[in-house]
Protein backbone atom coordinates (compact mmCIF):
# COMPACT_ATOMS: atom_id res chain seq x y z
CA MET A 1 -74.51 -76.97 -0.14
CA ASP A 2 -75.47 -75.63 3.16
CA ARG A 3 -74.78 -71.74 3.72
CA ARG A 4 -71.71 -72.86 6.41
CA ARG A 5 -70.25 -74.73 3.39
CA LEU A 6 -70.60 -71.78 1.05
CA VAL A 7 -68.87 -69.52 3.28
CA ARG A 8 -66.05 -71.89 3.98
CA SER A 9 -65.84 -72.19 0.42
CA VAL A 10 -65.82 -68.37 -0.53
CA LEU A 11 -62.88 -68.41 2.33
CA GLY A 12 -60.64 -71.05 0.90
CA ILE A 13 -60.81 -69.28 -2.33
CA GLY A 14 -60.40 -65.80 -0.96
CA LEU A 15 -57.58 -66.83 1.31
CA GLY A 16 -55.64 -68.65 -1.69
CA ALA A 17 -55.76 -65.70 -3.65
CA ALA A 18 -54.46 -63.37 -1.01
CA ALA A 19 -51.72 -65.88 -0.69
CA LEU A 20 -50.60 -65.83 -4.42
CA GLY A 21 -50.82 -61.88 -4.32
CA SER A 22 -48.50 -61.67 -1.63
CA THR A 23 -45.82 -63.86 -3.20
CA VAL A 24 -46.23 -62.11 -6.38
CA GLY A 25 -45.90 -58.97 -4.69
CA ARG A 26 -42.79 -60.27 -2.86
CA ALA A 27 -41.44 -61.18 -5.84
CA VAL A 28 -41.98 -57.47 -7.77
CA LEU A 29 -40.87 -55.84 -4.27
CA GLY A 30 -37.58 -57.61 -4.53
CA SER A 31 -37.06 -57.15 -8.20
CA ASP A 32 -37.37 -53.55 -7.83
CA GLU A 33 -34.90 -53.11 -4.83
CA THR A 34 -32.20 -55.03 -6.55
CA SER A 35 -32.75 -51.61 -9.13
CA THR A 36 -32.29 -49.21 -6.66
CA GLN A 37 -29.17 -46.48 -6.45
CA GLY A 38 -27.13 -48.68 -3.99
CA GLY A 39 -29.71 -48.87 -1.27
CA PRO A 40 -30.18 -52.00 1.20
CA ALA A 41 -32.30 -54.53 0.33
CA ALA A 42 -35.01 -55.20 3.18
CA PRO A 43 -34.55 -57.45 5.88
CA ASP A 44 -36.63 -60.53 6.12
CA ALA A 45 -38.96 -61.70 8.33
CA ALA A 46 -36.87 -63.61 10.41
CA GLY A 47 -35.09 -60.56 11.05
CA ALA A 48 -31.85 -61.04 9.34
CA PRO A 49 -29.78 -58.20 7.96
CA ALA A 50 -30.31 -57.33 4.91
CA ASP A 51 -26.78 -56.36 4.15
CA PRO A 52 -23.82 -57.35 6.02
CA LYS A 53 -22.06 -54.27 4.55
CA ALA A 54 -24.40 -51.92 5.80
CA PRO A 55 -23.27 -49.65 8.64
CA SER A 56 -23.38 -50.88 12.13
CA THR A 57 -26.12 -49.14 14.21
CA ALA A 58 -25.20 -50.80 17.56
CA SER A 59 -24.69 -47.71 19.88
CA PRO A 60 -21.67 -47.72 22.30
CA ASP A 61 -23.41 -49.16 24.84
CA GLY A 62 -24.61 -52.53 23.16
CA GLY A 63 -28.26 -51.57 22.37
CA ARG A 64 -29.92 -50.02 19.33
CA SER A 65 -28.82 -46.80 18.52
CA PRO A 66 -32.12 -44.41 18.55
CA TYR A 67 -30.21 -42.50 15.59
CA ARG A 68 -28.75 -44.44 12.82
CA LEU A 69 -25.94 -43.41 9.85
CA ARG A 70 -27.64 -42.66 7.19
CA PRO A 71 -26.95 -43.42 3.62
CA ILE A 72 -26.27 -40.69 0.95
CA GLU A 73 -28.95 -41.48 -1.34
CA GLY A 74 -31.12 -44.37 -2.39
CA GLU A 75 -33.98 -45.96 -0.54
CA THR A 76 -33.13 -46.94 2.98
CA SER A 77 -34.51 -50.68 4.43
CA ARG A 78 -36.33 -48.58 6.67
CA GLY A 79 -38.98 -47.35 4.55
CA ALA A 80 -39.23 -44.08 1.64
CA PRO A 81 -36.08 -42.33 0.02
CA SER A 82 -34.80 -39.55 2.42
CA VAL A 83 -32.59 -36.19 1.34
CA HIS A 84 -29.32 -36.44 2.49
CA PRO A 85 -27.02 -33.55 2.47
CA GLN A 86 -24.47 -34.22 -0.36
CA VAL A 87 -20.61 -34.43 0.76
CA ARG A 88 -19.06 -30.88 0.99
CA THR A 89 -15.85 -29.88 0.01
CA HIS A 90 -15.94 -27.04 2.77
CA ALA A 91 -18.04 -25.72 5.07
CA GLN A 92 -20.13 -22.97 4.92
CA TYR A 93 -18.99 -19.52 5.98
CA SER A 94 -22.09 -17.25 5.48
CA LEU A 95 -25.74 -16.25 5.14
CA SER A 96 -27.11 -17.11 1.55
CA GLY A 97 -29.87 -14.54 0.73
CA LYS A 98 -30.47 -10.85 0.85
CA GLY A 99 -30.76 -8.57 3.07
CA ARG A 100 -28.83 -7.61 6.44
CA ARG A 101 -29.00 -11.00 7.74
CA VAL A 102 -26.60 -12.41 10.19
CA ALA A 103 -26.43 -15.68 12.27
CA LEU A 104 -25.37 -15.88 16.27
CA THR A 105 -23.68 -19.27 17.23
CA PHE A 106 -22.38 -20.12 20.88
CA ASP A 107 -19.98 -23.65 21.04
CA ASP A 108 -19.02 -25.85 23.82
CA GLY A 109 -22.36 -25.74 25.67
CA PRO A 110 -24.31 -26.21 27.51
CA ASP A 111 -23.43 -24.64 30.17
CA PRO A 112 -25.62 -24.52 33.61
CA ARG A 113 -24.69 -20.67 34.11
CA TYR A 114 -24.07 -19.34 31.05
CA THR A 115 -26.34 -20.74 28.99
CA PRO A 116 -29.38 -19.76 30.61
CA GLU A 117 -28.01 -16.23 30.58
CA ILE A 118 -27.56 -16.16 26.96
CA LEU A 119 -30.85 -17.48 26.34
CA GLU A 120 -32.37 -14.71 28.57
CA THR A 121 -30.73 -12.46 26.56
CA LEU A 122 -32.24 -13.41 23.25
CA ARG A 123 -35.47 -14.01 24.64
CA ARG A 124 -35.67 -10.32 25.06
CA HIS A 125 -35.30 -9.48 21.96
CA GLY A 126 -37.11 -12.08 20.34
CA VAL A 127 -33.47 -13.28 18.13
CA ARG A 128 -32.84 -17.58 17.73
CA ALA A 129 -29.58 -18.40 17.45
CA VAL A 130 -27.72 -21.48 16.83
CA PHE A 131 -26.17 -23.81 19.79
CA PHE A 132 -23.38 -25.78 18.66
CA VAL A 133 -23.06 -28.69 21.91
CA ILE A 134 -20.46 -30.79 23.30
CA GLY A 135 -22.19 -34.24 23.52
CA GLU A 136 -20.47 -35.04 27.23
CA THR A 137 -21.25 -32.24 28.18
CA ALA A 138 -24.80 -32.00 27.02
CA GLU A 139 -24.70 -36.10 29.08
CA GLN A 140 -24.14 -33.74 32.10
CA PHE A 141 -27.03 -30.54 31.64
CA PRO A 142 -29.68 -32.61 29.59
CA ASP A 143 -32.34 -29.87 30.84
CA VAL A 144 -29.99 -26.70 29.91
CA LEU A 145 -30.17 -28.28 26.03
CA ARG A 146 -33.87 -29.12 26.73
CA SER A 147 -34.45 -25.11 27.54
CA VAL A 148 -32.56 -24.27 24.43
CA ALA A 149 -34.70 -26.26 22.21
CA ARG A 150 -37.99 -25.06 24.03
CA GLU A 151 -36.96 -21.63 23.39
CA GLY A 152 -36.59 -22.30 19.56
CA HIS A 153 -33.08 -21.98 18.90
CA LEU A 154 -31.11 -24.41 16.77
CA ILE A 155 -29.19 -27.39 18.36
CA ALA A 156 -25.92 -28.77 16.29
CA ASN A 157 -23.33 -30.95 17.00
CA HIS A 158 -19.83 -30.00 18.13
CA THR A 159 -18.51 -33.84 18.68
CA TRP A 160 -18.68 -35.63 21.83
CA ASN A 161 -15.53 -34.15 23.53
CA HIS A 162 -13.87 -31.62 21.28
CA ARG A 163 -11.07 -33.54 19.40
CA GLN A 164 -9.77 -32.61 16.25
CA LEU A 165 -11.26 -34.64 14.09
CA THR A 166 -8.95 -34.59 11.43
CA ALA A 167 -5.75 -35.45 13.82
CA ILE A 168 -7.94 -38.74 14.94
CA PRO A 169 -8.74 -42.30 13.27
CA VAL A 170 -11.27 -41.53 10.76
CA ALA A 171 -13.37 -44.34 13.26
CA GLU A 172 -12.80 -42.26 16.38
CA ALA A 173 -13.66 -38.96 13.69
CA ARG A 174 -17.09 -40.72 13.34
CA SER A 175 -18.17 -41.91 16.93
CA GLU A 176 -17.12 -38.25 17.89
CA LEU A 177 -20.07 -36.91 15.52
CA GLU A 178 -22.91 -39.94 15.83
CA ARG A 179 -22.64 -40.23 19.79
CA THR A 180 -23.65 -36.61 19.84
CA SER A 181 -26.30 -37.03 16.97
CA GLU A 182 -27.69 -39.52 18.93
CA LEU A 183 -27.55 -38.11 22.18
CA ILE A 184 -28.86 -34.82 21.01
CA ALA A 185 -31.94 -36.89 19.47
CA ARG A 186 -32.59 -38.61 22.29
CA THR A 187 -33.02 -35.52 24.63
CA VAL A 188 -34.60 -32.97 22.41
CA GLY A 189 -36.49 -35.49 20.07
CA THR A 190 -34.66 -34.29 16.91
CA PRO A 191 -31.10 -35.15 15.55
CA PRO A 192 -29.03 -32.10 14.45
CA THR A 193 -28.58 -31.22 10.65
CA TRP A 194 -25.66 -28.92 11.01
CA ALA A 195 -22.39 -29.46 12.65
CA ARG A 196 -19.02 -27.18 13.16
CA ALA A 197 -15.98 -29.25 13.56
CA PRO A 198 -13.80 -28.22 16.59
CA TYR A 199 -11.41 -25.60 15.25
CA GLY A 200 -13.50 -25.38 12.40
CA ASP A 201 -10.76 -28.41 10.82
CA TRP A 202 -12.79 -30.43 8.23
CA ASN A 203 -11.24 -32.87 5.98
CA GLY A 204 -12.67 -35.04 3.20
CA PRO A 205 -13.25 -38.36 5.42
CA THR A 206 -15.07 -36.25 8.13
CA LEU A 207 -17.11 -34.05 5.41
CA ARG A 208 -18.39 -37.48 3.92
CA ILE A 209 -19.09 -38.69 7.77
CA CYS A 210 -21.36 -34.98 8.24
CA ALA A 211 -23.32 -36.05 5.01
CA GLU A 212 -23.40 -40.06 6.05
CA LEU A 213 -24.93 -38.45 9.44
CA GLY A 214 -27.31 -36.41 7.52
CA MET A 215 -25.98 -33.05 8.51
CA GLU A 216 -24.38 -29.96 7.04
CA PRO A 217 -21.06 -27.95 7.59
CA LEU A 218 -21.13 -24.53 9.27
CA GLY A 219 -17.96 -22.50 9.90
CA TRP A 220 -18.33 -18.62 10.79
CA SER A 221 -16.68 -15.45 9.15
CA LEU A 222 -16.61 -13.21 12.47
CA ASP A 223 -14.64 -14.36 15.33
CA THR A 224 -15.16 -12.64 18.46
CA GLN A 225 -12.04 -14.49 20.25
CA ASP A 226 -14.28 -14.54 23.55
CA TRP A 227 -12.78 -17.86 24.10
CA SER A 228 -9.32 -16.12 25.12
CA MET A 229 -11.61 -13.91 27.57
CA PRO A 230 -10.28 -10.59 25.84
CA GLY A 231 -12.82 -8.40 27.75
CA SER A 232 -16.46 -7.83 27.08
CA GLU A 233 -15.43 -3.99 25.14
CA HIS A 234 -13.11 -5.96 22.77
CA ILE A 235 -15.38 -8.75 22.07
CA ILE A 236 -18.59 -6.15 21.16
CA ASN A 237 -16.04 -4.24 19.02
CA ALA A 238 -14.90 -7.25 17.50
CA VAL A 239 -18.80 -7.62 16.40
CA MET A 240 -19.90 -3.97 15.61
CA LYS A 241 -16.66 -3.81 13.47
CA ASP A 242 -16.46 -6.48 11.47
CA VAL A 243 -20.24 -6.86 10.76
CA ALA A 244 -21.52 -7.25 7.22
CA PRO A 245 -24.63 -8.94 5.77
CA GLY A 246 -24.35 -12.83 5.43
CA THR A 247 -21.84 -12.90 8.40
CA ILE A 248 -21.61 -15.97 10.72
CA VAL A 249 -20.75 -15.11 14.30
CA LEU A 250 -18.91 -17.26 16.64
CA ASN A 251 -19.23 -16.63 19.89
CA HIS A 252 -18.98 -19.56 23.22
CA ASP A 253 -21.84 -20.40 25.98
CA GLY A 254 -19.38 -23.18 27.06
CA GLY A 255 -16.21 -24.58 28.07
CA GLY A 256 -14.57 -22.22 30.39
CA ASP A 257 -15.94 -18.81 32.27
CA ARG A 258 -17.85 -17.32 30.00
CA SER A 259 -19.39 -14.07 31.82
CA GLN A 260 -17.86 -11.91 29.12
CA SER A 261 -19.67 -13.40 26.44
CA ALA A 262 -22.55 -13.25 27.89
CA SER A 263 -22.28 -9.44 29.00
CA ALA A 264 -20.75 -8.48 25.78
CA LEU A 265 -24.17 -10.15 23.97
CA SER A 266 -26.45 -8.50 25.83
CA ALA A 267 -24.57 -4.85 24.62
CA TYR A 268 -24.07 -5.97 21.18
CA LEU A 269 -27.06 -7.33 20.24
CA PRO A 270 -29.63 -4.37 20.94
CA GLN A 271 -26.91 -2.27 18.22
CA LEU A 272 -27.06 -4.97 15.70
CA LEU A 273 -31.18 -4.84 15.60
CA ALA A 274 -31.00 -0.94 15.84
CA ALA A 275 -28.10 -0.83 12.53
CA GLY A 276 -31.02 -2.58 10.94
CA TYR A 277 -29.64 -6.64 10.63
CA THR A 278 -31.62 -9.15 11.68
CA PRO A 279 -30.47 -12.40 13.19
CA ALA A 280 -31.28 -15.51 11.33
CA LEU A 281 -30.70 -19.24 10.98
CA PRO A 282 -28.58 -21.04 8.42
């Protein structure tokens, strides 16, 4: 047998073995996937959906969403297992851990006027905060949202247009949260891991949606009432009077005239630091 015949013979044997190995491998994988914790089977080679009951991944504009609804447990059809939050019975209202830690949070932005003012104050004192953004507002001012991310702050989900989640159909509540997560992921490259319901109003179905989207619910323990524009001094006194280790402070950087909020922050933040408090992220 000449050399070319020998090579063809060896290649034929090798390709046959590879095909057999691929067939056996698919059989083994298929067996493993059916035994996972409720995870959907992988799509076939033609791209057919693995499970007709799986949540839709279509975005509102009919395209493929960059941010998909996440299963709570088990493997996904898109790769390795992921860890997702358990379904909570209520939001987190304080920081855990020791020390004089507090969390500064800002709702209803981003705003092209007041958010940069607040960022400047936080930058001056080397402090990071949590910004709970409204989806439709973030869509209008993506550059402001990116500046929040560049400064190292935590961007979180505050629904698409501030609707009370418990007062609307579950499907609409899901859309409020999912669309906002999608927008944040597209704009800054990372989906949010925390969410805050408008008015702090969660219930069982909306808490489950929050977990399915890979987020934890965060509330607050100190309301500055800056949303009512009570005056900067009132906001400052509210913080300094009621702050304690573990406090989560509610402020606003959008949704209206937030000049008092920005002014109050520039006054009470150095006082907090002087009193030994350390602003931290949840």
